[in-house]
N, C-alpha and C. Protein backbone atom coordinates (compact mmCIF):
# COMPACT_ATOMS: atom_id res chain seq x y z
N MET A 1 -3.18 -8.45 10.96
CA MET A 1 -2.00 -8.87 11.69
C MET A 1 -1.07 -7.68 11.85
N SER A 2 -0.56 -7.48 13.04
CA SER A 2 0.40 -6.41 13.25
C SER A 2 1.77 -6.88 12.79
N TYR A 3 2.71 -5.99 12.75
CA TYR A 3 4.07 -6.33 12.33
C TYR A 3 4.64 -7.43 13.22
N THR A 4 4.49 -7.31 14.52
CA THR A 4 4.99 -8.32 15.44
C THR A 4 4.26 -9.64 15.17
N GLY A 5 5.02 -10.68 14.90
CA GLY A 5 4.46 -11.98 14.59
C GLY A 5 4.29 -12.24 13.11
N SER A 6 4.47 -11.23 12.26
CA SER A 6 4.32 -11.41 10.82
C SER A 6 5.52 -12.16 10.25
N TYR A 7 5.39 -12.58 9.01
CA TYR A 7 6.50 -13.25 8.32
C TYR A 7 7.73 -12.36 8.30
N LEU A 8 7.54 -11.10 7.93
CA LEU A 8 8.67 -10.17 7.86
C LEU A 8 9.32 -10.01 9.23
N TRP A 9 8.53 -9.92 10.27
CA TRP A 9 9.07 -9.82 11.63
C TRP A 9 9.91 -11.05 11.95
N SER A 10 9.42 -12.25 11.59
CA SER A 10 10.16 -13.47 11.91
C SER A 10 11.49 -13.52 11.16
N VAL A 11 11.52 -13.05 9.93
CA VAL A 11 12.78 -13.01 9.17
C VAL A 11 13.73 -12.01 9.82
N ARG A 12 13.21 -10.88 10.26
CA ARG A 12 14.04 -9.86 10.91
C ARG A 12 14.72 -10.39 12.17
N GLN A 13 14.13 -11.36 12.84
CA GLN A 13 14.74 -11.94 14.03
C GLN A 13 16.07 -12.62 13.70
N HIS A 14 16.24 -13.03 12.44
CA HIS A 14 17.45 -13.72 12.01
C HIS A 14 18.45 -12.81 11.30
N VAL A 15 17.95 -11.82 10.56
CA VAL A 15 18.86 -11.01 9.73
C VAL A 15 19.03 -9.58 10.24
N GLY A 16 18.31 -9.21 11.26
CA GLY A 16 18.42 -7.84 11.76
C GLY A 16 17.84 -6.84 10.77
N SER A 17 18.45 -5.67 10.69
CA SER A 17 17.92 -4.58 9.87
C SER A 17 18.43 -4.56 8.44
N ARG A 18 19.26 -5.53 8.05
CA ARG A 18 19.84 -5.49 6.70
C ARG A 18 18.75 -5.48 5.63
N LEU A 19 19.13 -5.06 4.44
CA LEU A 19 18.21 -4.95 3.31
C LEU A 19 17.53 -6.29 3.01
N LEU A 20 16.21 -6.24 2.91
CA LEU A 20 15.42 -7.40 2.49
C LEU A 20 14.63 -7.03 1.25
N LEU A 21 14.46 -8.00 0.35
CA LEU A 21 13.59 -7.84 -0.81
C LEU A 21 12.21 -8.32 -0.40
N VAL A 22 11.20 -7.45 -0.54
CA VAL A 22 9.89 -7.74 0.03
C VAL A 22 8.78 -7.55 -1.02
N PRO A 23 8.07 -8.64 -1.36
CA PRO A 23 6.90 -8.49 -2.23
C PRO A 23 5.72 -7.97 -1.43
N GLY A 24 4.88 -7.19 -2.09
CA GLY A 24 3.71 -6.65 -1.41
C GLY A 24 2.70 -6.11 -2.40
N ALA A 25 1.68 -5.45 -1.86
CA ALA A 25 0.60 -4.91 -2.68
C ALA A 25 0.16 -3.56 -2.13
N GLN A 26 -0.34 -2.73 -3.04
CA GLN A 26 -0.93 -1.44 -2.69
C GLN A 26 -2.31 -1.38 -3.31
N VAL A 27 -3.22 -0.66 -2.64
CA VAL A 27 -4.59 -0.55 -3.14
C VAL A 27 -4.95 0.93 -3.28
N LEU A 28 -5.31 1.31 -4.50
CA LEU A 28 -5.82 2.64 -4.77
C LEU A 28 -7.34 2.49 -4.82
N LEU A 29 -7.99 2.91 -3.74
CA LEU A 29 -9.44 2.81 -3.62
C LEU A 29 -10.04 4.11 -4.14
N LEU A 30 -10.86 4.01 -5.16
CA LEU A 30 -11.42 5.18 -5.83
C LEU A 30 -12.93 5.23 -5.59
N ASP A 31 -13.41 6.33 -4.99
CA ASP A 31 -14.85 6.43 -4.73
C ASP A 31 -15.59 6.97 -5.95
N ASP A 32 -16.91 7.07 -5.86
CA ASP A 32 -17.72 7.48 -7.00
C ASP A 32 -17.54 8.94 -7.38
N ARG A 33 -16.83 9.70 -6.55
CA ARG A 33 -16.52 11.10 -6.87
C ARG A 33 -15.10 11.25 -7.41
N GLY A 34 -14.40 10.13 -7.62
CA GLY A 34 -13.04 10.17 -8.15
C GLY A 34 -11.97 10.44 -7.11
N ARG A 35 -12.35 10.35 -5.83
CA ARG A 35 -11.38 10.58 -4.76
C ARG A 35 -10.69 9.28 -4.38
N VAL A 36 -9.48 9.40 -3.89
CA VAL A 36 -8.64 8.27 -3.51
C VAL A 36 -8.55 8.21 -1.99
N LEU A 37 -8.55 6.99 -1.45
CA LEU A 37 -8.38 6.81 -0.01
C LEU A 37 -6.90 6.86 0.34
N PHE A 38 -6.55 7.81 1.20
CA PHE A 38 -5.19 7.95 1.73
C PHE A 38 -5.24 7.64 3.22
N GLN A 39 -4.14 7.14 3.75
CA GLN A 39 -4.03 6.89 5.18
C GLN A 39 -2.70 7.43 5.69
N GLN A 40 -2.72 7.87 6.94
CA GLN A 40 -1.51 8.42 7.56
C GLN A 40 -0.87 7.34 8.43
N ARG A 41 0.41 7.07 8.17
CA ARG A 41 1.15 6.06 8.92
C ARG A 41 1.37 6.51 10.36
N ALA A 42 1.22 5.58 11.29
CA ALA A 42 1.42 5.89 12.71
C ALA A 42 2.90 6.09 13.03
N ASP A 43 3.80 5.38 12.34
CA ASP A 43 5.22 5.46 12.70
C ASP A 43 5.95 6.67 12.15
N THR A 44 5.58 7.14 10.96
CA THR A 44 6.31 8.25 10.35
C THR A 44 5.46 9.50 10.10
N GLY A 45 4.13 9.33 10.12
CA GLY A 45 3.25 10.47 9.88
C GLY A 45 3.01 10.78 8.41
N VAL A 46 3.66 10.05 7.49
CA VAL A 46 3.44 10.32 6.07
C VAL A 46 2.13 9.68 5.62
N TRP A 47 1.58 10.23 4.55
CA TRP A 47 0.33 9.73 3.98
C TRP A 47 0.66 8.82 2.82
N GLU A 48 -0.11 7.75 2.69
CA GLU A 48 0.14 6.75 1.65
C GLU A 48 -1.16 6.04 1.31
N LEU A 49 -1.08 5.10 0.38
CA LEU A 49 -2.19 4.22 0.05
C LEU A 49 -2.13 3.01 0.99
N PRO A 50 -3.27 2.36 1.23
CA PRO A 50 -3.21 1.11 1.99
C PRO A 50 -2.29 0.12 1.28
N ALA A 51 -1.39 -0.49 2.04
CA ALA A 51 -0.37 -1.34 1.43
C ALA A 51 0.26 -2.23 2.49
N GLY A 52 0.93 -3.26 2.03
CA GLY A 52 1.65 -4.09 2.96
C GLY A 52 2.35 -5.24 2.30
N ALA A 53 3.11 -5.97 3.10
CA ALA A 53 3.94 -7.07 2.64
C ALA A 53 3.14 -8.37 2.58
N CYS A 54 3.55 -9.23 1.67
CA CYS A 54 2.97 -10.57 1.57
C CYS A 54 3.35 -11.39 2.79
N GLU A 55 2.47 -12.28 3.16
CA GLU A 55 2.71 -13.25 4.22
C GLU A 55 2.92 -14.61 3.58
N GLU A 56 3.46 -15.56 4.33
CA GLU A 56 3.64 -16.91 3.82
C GLU A 56 2.30 -17.46 3.34
N GLY A 57 2.31 -18.11 2.18
CA GLY A 57 1.10 -18.71 1.63
C GLY A 57 0.17 -17.72 0.96
N SER A 58 0.60 -16.47 0.82
CA SER A 58 -0.24 -15.42 0.26
C SER A 58 0.18 -15.13 -1.18
N ASP A 59 -0.69 -14.44 -1.90
CA ASP A 59 -0.35 -13.93 -3.22
C ASP A 59 -0.62 -12.42 -3.23
N PHE A 60 -0.34 -11.76 -4.34
CA PHE A 60 -0.49 -10.31 -4.39
C PHE A 60 -1.94 -9.88 -4.13
N THR A 61 -2.89 -10.56 -4.77
CA THR A 61 -4.29 -10.18 -4.62
C THR A 61 -4.76 -10.40 -3.18
N GLY A 62 -4.42 -11.54 -2.62
CA GLY A 62 -4.78 -11.80 -1.23
C GLY A 62 -4.16 -10.80 -0.28
N THR A 63 -2.93 -10.39 -0.57
CA THR A 63 -2.26 -9.38 0.26
C THR A 63 -3.01 -8.06 0.18
N ALA A 64 -3.44 -7.67 -1.02
CA ALA A 64 -4.19 -6.43 -1.18
C ALA A 64 -5.49 -6.48 -0.38
N VAL A 65 -6.22 -7.58 -0.48
CA VAL A 65 -7.49 -7.74 0.25
C VAL A 65 -7.23 -7.66 1.76
N ARG A 66 -6.22 -8.39 2.25
CA ARG A 66 -5.93 -8.44 3.69
C ARG A 66 -5.47 -7.08 4.22
N GLU A 67 -4.54 -6.45 3.53
CA GLU A 67 -4.01 -5.18 4.01
C GLU A 67 -5.07 -4.09 4.04
N LEU A 68 -5.92 -4.04 3.02
CA LEU A 68 -6.98 -3.04 3.00
C LEU A 68 -7.90 -3.24 4.20
N ALA A 69 -8.28 -4.48 4.48
CA ALA A 69 -9.17 -4.76 5.61
C ALA A 69 -8.49 -4.43 6.94
N GLU A 70 -7.24 -4.83 7.10
CA GLU A 70 -6.54 -4.59 8.36
C GLU A 70 -6.35 -3.11 8.64
N GLU A 71 -6.01 -2.35 7.61
CA GLU A 71 -5.65 -0.95 7.81
C GLU A 71 -6.83 0.00 7.76
N THR A 72 -7.93 -0.39 7.09
CA THR A 72 -9.05 0.54 6.91
C THR A 72 -10.40 0.00 7.35
N GLY A 73 -10.50 -1.30 7.58
CA GLY A 73 -11.79 -1.91 7.90
C GLY A 73 -12.66 -2.15 6.69
N LEU A 74 -12.20 -1.79 5.51
CA LEU A 74 -12.98 -1.96 4.29
C LEU A 74 -12.65 -3.29 3.63
N ARG A 75 -13.65 -3.89 3.03
CA ARG A 75 -13.49 -5.19 2.38
C ARG A 75 -13.67 -5.03 0.87
N VAL A 76 -12.79 -5.68 0.15
CA VAL A 76 -12.89 -5.70 -1.31
C VAL A 76 -12.79 -7.15 -1.76
N GLU A 77 -13.52 -7.48 -2.79
CA GLU A 77 -13.47 -8.82 -3.36
C GLU A 77 -12.29 -8.91 -4.32
N ARG A 78 -11.67 -10.07 -4.35
CA ARG A 78 -10.53 -10.29 -5.25
C ARG A 78 -10.89 -9.91 -6.69
N ALA A 79 -12.09 -10.28 -7.12
CA ALA A 79 -12.52 -10.03 -8.49
C ALA A 79 -12.68 -8.55 -8.80
N ASP A 80 -12.78 -7.71 -7.77
CA ASP A 80 -12.95 -6.27 -7.97
C ASP A 80 -11.63 -5.52 -7.98
N LEU A 81 -10.52 -6.22 -7.86
CA LEU A 81 -9.20 -5.59 -7.92
C LEU A 81 -8.65 -5.66 -9.33
N VAL A 82 -8.17 -4.53 -9.83
CA VAL A 82 -7.58 -4.45 -11.17
C VAL A 82 -6.13 -4.02 -11.00
N ALA A 83 -5.21 -4.87 -11.43
CA ALA A 83 -3.79 -4.52 -11.36
C ALA A 83 -3.50 -3.47 -12.43
N PHE A 84 -2.98 -2.32 -12.02
CA PHE A 84 -2.67 -1.26 -12.99
C PHE A 84 -1.19 -0.94 -13.06
N GLY A 85 -0.40 -1.44 -12.11
CA GLY A 85 1.02 -1.11 -12.15
C GLY A 85 1.83 -1.92 -11.17
N SER A 86 3.14 -1.80 -11.34
CA SER A 86 4.09 -2.44 -10.44
C SER A 86 5.19 -1.44 -10.13
N LEU A 87 5.46 -1.28 -8.85
CA LEU A 87 6.52 -0.36 -8.42
C LEU A 87 7.63 -1.18 -7.76
N SER A 88 8.81 -1.19 -8.39
CA SER A 88 9.94 -1.93 -7.84
C SER A 88 11.26 -1.21 -8.02
N ASP A 89 11.26 -0.02 -8.59
CA ASP A 89 12.49 0.74 -8.79
C ASP A 89 13.18 0.97 -7.45
N PRO A 90 14.40 0.44 -7.26
CA PRO A 90 15.05 0.57 -5.96
C PRO A 90 15.35 2.02 -5.57
N ARG A 91 15.44 2.91 -6.54
CA ARG A 91 15.68 4.32 -6.21
C ARG A 91 14.45 4.97 -5.59
N ILE A 92 13.29 4.39 -5.86
CA ILE A 92 12.02 4.92 -5.36
C ILE A 92 11.48 4.10 -4.20
N HIS A 93 11.62 2.76 -4.30
CA HIS A 93 10.92 1.90 -3.37
C HIS A 93 11.85 1.11 -2.44
N THR A 94 12.98 1.71 -2.09
CA THR A 94 13.81 1.19 -1.00
C THR A 94 13.50 2.06 0.20
N LEU A 95 13.01 1.43 1.26
CA LEU A 95 12.51 2.16 2.42
C LEU A 95 13.34 1.85 3.65
N THR A 96 13.61 2.89 4.43
CA THR A 96 14.25 2.72 5.74
C THR A 96 13.25 3.15 6.79
N TYR A 97 12.92 2.23 7.68
CA TYR A 97 11.92 2.48 8.71
C TYR A 97 12.56 3.12 9.94
N PRO A 98 11.75 3.74 10.81
CA PRO A 98 12.30 4.41 12.00
C PRO A 98 13.20 3.53 12.87
N ASN A 99 12.96 2.22 12.87
CA ASN A 99 13.79 1.31 13.68
C ASN A 99 15.07 0.89 12.97
N GLY A 100 15.31 1.39 11.74
CA GLY A 100 16.52 1.08 10.99
C GLY A 100 16.37 -0.04 9.99
N ASP A 101 15.25 -0.76 9.98
CA ASP A 101 15.04 -1.82 9.00
C ASP A 101 14.98 -1.24 7.60
N VAL A 102 15.59 -1.95 6.63
CA VAL A 102 15.62 -1.49 5.25
C VAL A 102 14.98 -2.55 4.36
N THR A 103 14.08 -2.12 3.48
CA THR A 103 13.44 -3.02 2.54
C THR A 103 13.47 -2.44 1.14
N HIS A 104 13.67 -3.30 0.17
CA HIS A 104 13.45 -2.95 -1.24
C HIS A 104 12.14 -3.63 -1.59
N CYS A 105 11.10 -2.84 -1.79
CA CYS A 105 9.74 -3.35 -1.99
C CYS A 105 9.43 -3.55 -3.47
N PHE A 106 8.73 -4.64 -3.74
CA PHE A 106 8.23 -4.98 -5.07
C PHE A 106 6.72 -5.04 -4.94
N ALA A 107 6.03 -3.97 -5.31
CA ALA A 107 4.59 -3.88 -5.06
C ALA A 107 3.79 -3.97 -6.35
N LEU A 108 2.76 -4.82 -6.32
CA LEU A 108 1.76 -4.82 -7.37
C LEU A 108 0.68 -3.85 -6.91
N CYS A 109 0.33 -2.92 -7.79
CA CYS A 109 -0.61 -1.85 -7.44
C CYS A 109 -1.98 -2.16 -8.06
N PHE A 110 -2.99 -2.13 -7.20
CA PHE A 110 -4.35 -2.47 -7.61
C PHE A 110 -5.28 -1.27 -7.49
N LEU A 111 -6.24 -1.21 -8.39
CA LEU A 111 -7.34 -0.26 -8.36
C LEU A 111 -8.58 -1.00 -7.89
N ALA A 112 -9.36 -0.38 -7.02
CA ALA A 112 -10.65 -0.92 -6.61
C ALA A 112 -11.67 0.21 -6.59
N ARG A 113 -12.81 -0.03 -7.19
CA ARG A 113 -13.90 0.96 -7.21
C ARG A 113 -15.10 0.51 -6.38
N ARG A 114 -15.08 -0.76 -5.93
CA ARG A 114 -16.18 -1.32 -5.13
C ARG A 114 -15.62 -1.91 -3.86
N TRP A 115 -16.33 -1.68 -2.77
CA TRP A 115 -15.93 -2.24 -1.48
C TRP A 115 -17.13 -2.22 -0.56
N SER A 116 -16.96 -2.84 0.59
CA SER A 116 -18.02 -2.84 1.60
C SER A 116 -17.38 -2.54 2.96
N GLY A 117 -18.25 -2.26 3.93
CA GLY A 117 -17.77 -1.98 5.28
C GLY A 117 -17.70 -0.50 5.57
N ALA A 118 -17.35 -0.21 6.81
CA ALA A 118 -17.22 1.18 7.27
C ALA A 118 -15.75 1.49 7.49
N LEU A 119 -15.35 2.67 7.10
CA LEU A 119 -13.96 3.09 7.25
C LEU A 119 -13.61 3.24 8.73
N ARG A 120 -12.61 2.50 9.16
CA ARG A 120 -12.05 2.62 10.50
C ARG A 120 -10.58 2.26 10.40
N VAL A 121 -9.75 3.03 11.04
CA VAL A 121 -8.31 2.81 10.91
C VAL A 121 -7.82 1.76 11.90
N GLY A 122 -6.83 1.00 11.46
CA GLY A 122 -6.15 0.04 12.32
C GLY A 122 -5.11 0.78 13.14
N ARG A 123 -5.45 1.14 14.34
CA ARG A 123 -4.66 2.05 15.18
C ARG A 123 -3.19 1.70 15.35
N ASP A 124 -2.80 0.43 15.22
CA ASP A 124 -1.39 0.12 15.42
C ASP A 124 -0.53 0.58 14.24
N GLU A 125 -1.12 0.76 13.05
CA GLU A 125 -0.36 1.16 11.88
C GLU A 125 -0.80 2.50 11.28
N VAL A 126 -2.05 2.87 11.51
CA VAL A 126 -2.64 4.02 10.82
C VAL A 126 -3.32 4.93 11.85
N THR A 127 -3.09 6.25 11.71
CA THR A 127 -3.72 7.19 12.63
C THR A 127 -4.97 7.84 12.05
N ARG A 128 -4.98 8.06 10.73
CA ARG A 128 -6.13 8.70 10.07
C ARG A 128 -6.26 8.15 8.66
N ALA A 129 -7.46 8.26 8.12
CA ALA A 129 -7.71 7.88 6.73
C ALA A 129 -8.79 8.80 6.18
N GLU A 130 -8.62 9.19 4.93
CA GLU A 130 -9.62 10.05 4.30
C GLU A 130 -9.53 9.97 2.79
N PHE A 131 -10.69 10.20 2.15
CA PHE A 131 -10.75 10.27 0.70
C PHE A 131 -10.39 11.69 0.28
N ARG A 132 -9.50 11.79 -0.70
CA ARG A 132 -9.06 13.10 -1.21
C ARG A 132 -8.95 13.04 -2.73
N ASP A 133 -9.04 14.21 -3.33
CA ASP A 133 -8.78 14.36 -4.76
C ASP A 133 -7.34 13.93 -5.00
N PRO A 134 -7.09 13.02 -5.97
CA PRO A 134 -5.71 12.57 -6.18
C PRO A 134 -4.78 13.69 -6.64
N ALA A 135 -5.34 14.78 -7.17
CA ALA A 135 -4.51 15.92 -7.57
C ALA A 135 -4.15 16.79 -6.37
N ASP A 136 -4.79 16.54 -5.22
CA ASP A 136 -4.54 17.31 -4.00
C ASP A 136 -4.41 16.36 -2.80
N PRO A 137 -3.38 15.50 -2.82
CA PRO A 137 -3.25 14.53 -1.73
C PRO A 137 -2.81 15.21 -0.43
N PRO A 138 -3.06 14.57 0.69
CA PRO A 138 -2.60 15.13 1.96
C PRO A 138 -1.07 15.04 2.05
N GLY A 139 -0.51 15.84 2.91
CA GLY A 139 0.95 15.81 3.08
C GLY A 139 1.32 15.70 4.53
N PRO A 140 2.54 15.29 4.77
CA PRO A 140 3.54 14.93 3.76
C PRO A 140 3.18 13.59 3.12
N LEU A 141 3.36 13.54 1.79
CA LEU A 141 3.03 12.35 1.02
C LEU A 141 4.26 11.44 0.93
N HIS A 142 4.05 10.17 1.16
CA HIS A 142 5.10 9.16 1.04
C HIS A 142 5.59 9.18 -0.42
N PRO A 143 6.89 9.36 -0.68
CA PRO A 143 7.37 9.48 -2.07
C PRO A 143 6.94 8.34 -3.00
N PRO A 144 6.97 7.06 -2.58
CA PRO A 144 6.47 6.04 -3.50
C PRO A 144 4.99 6.22 -3.85
N THR A 145 4.20 6.76 -2.94
CA THR A 145 2.78 6.99 -3.23
C THR A 145 2.63 8.03 -4.33
N ALA A 146 3.46 9.05 -4.34
CA ALA A 146 3.42 10.04 -5.42
C ALA A 146 3.67 9.37 -6.77
N VAL A 147 4.59 8.43 -6.81
CA VAL A 147 4.89 7.71 -8.06
C VAL A 147 3.71 6.83 -8.45
N VAL A 148 3.09 6.16 -7.50
CA VAL A 148 1.93 5.32 -7.81
C VAL A 148 0.78 6.17 -8.35
N LEU A 149 0.59 7.37 -7.82
CA LEU A 149 -0.44 8.27 -8.35
C LEU A 149 -0.13 8.66 -9.80
N GLU A 150 1.15 8.91 -10.11
CA GLU A 150 1.55 9.20 -11.50
C GLU A 150 1.26 8.00 -12.39
N MET A 151 1.59 6.81 -11.91
CA MET A 151 1.33 5.60 -12.67
C MET A 151 -0.16 5.41 -12.92
N PHE A 152 -0.98 5.70 -11.91
CA PHE A 152 -2.42 5.57 -12.06
C PHE A 152 -2.95 6.56 -13.11
N ARG A 153 -2.45 7.80 -13.09
CA ARG A 153 -2.88 8.77 -14.10
C ARG A 153 -2.53 8.27 -15.51
N ALA A 154 -1.32 7.71 -15.68
CA ALA A 154 -0.91 7.19 -16.98
C ALA A 154 -1.78 6.00 -17.38
N PHE A 155 -2.06 5.10 -16.44
CA PHE A 155 -2.92 3.95 -16.71
C PHE A 155 -4.32 4.42 -17.11
N SER A 156 -4.84 5.41 -16.41
CA SER A 156 -6.19 5.92 -16.69
C SER A 156 -6.29 6.52 -18.09
N SER A 157 -5.22 7.14 -18.55
CA SER A 157 -5.28 7.77 -19.88
C SER A 157 -4.92 6.82 -21.01
N THR A 158 -4.13 5.78 -20.73
CA THR A 158 -3.70 4.88 -21.81
C THR A 158 -4.31 3.49 -21.73
N GLY A 159 -4.76 3.08 -20.53
CA GLY A 159 -5.24 1.71 -20.35
C GLY A 159 -4.13 0.68 -20.30
N ARG A 160 -2.88 1.16 -20.29
CA ARG A 160 -1.73 0.25 -20.28
C ARG A 160 -1.15 0.09 -18.89
N PHE A 161 -0.81 -1.14 -18.56
CA PHE A 161 -0.16 -1.47 -17.29
C PHE A 161 1.13 -0.66 -17.18
N GLN A 162 1.37 -0.12 -15.98
CA GLN A 162 2.53 0.73 -15.73
C GLN A 162 3.54 -0.01 -14.86
N ALA A 163 4.81 0.15 -15.17
CA ALA A 163 5.87 -0.48 -14.37
C ALA A 163 7.01 0.51 -14.17
N ARG A 164 7.42 0.63 -12.91
CA ARG A 164 8.55 1.50 -12.57
C ARG A 164 9.44 0.78 -11.60
């Protein structure tokens, strides 16, 4: 689903660009060589992880599955998603979009090591996607994505859920 017609779009029709609190999910897709899938946003050009906002009737896991498929063409099973962190710090995850909309995002971050399908970008939101070493991500990197990568490194070394 594109932004137009989404739940968030319908709310924006009533409240304009003012700050909204938005639940969502991010997916850190890790290949067998330890590389992470990054995608470049069409609107700002920054690189990030596949991610998006929850829709009505959705949950965090369903949002992760849907957003990954919409943005990359890749499919992941709910059972193959492992929650490793949550990013909600307003100093890090308050976003202002090119159209002036402002969101404070509350994202559950998932790790996935298994998926199916062929990588293809959803042209309305993403211009490119590629697997890269997480220590050498493409730039410019979306600042919240840098924090999620730090959280993933901490999770990988401690096995403990990360929250920021």
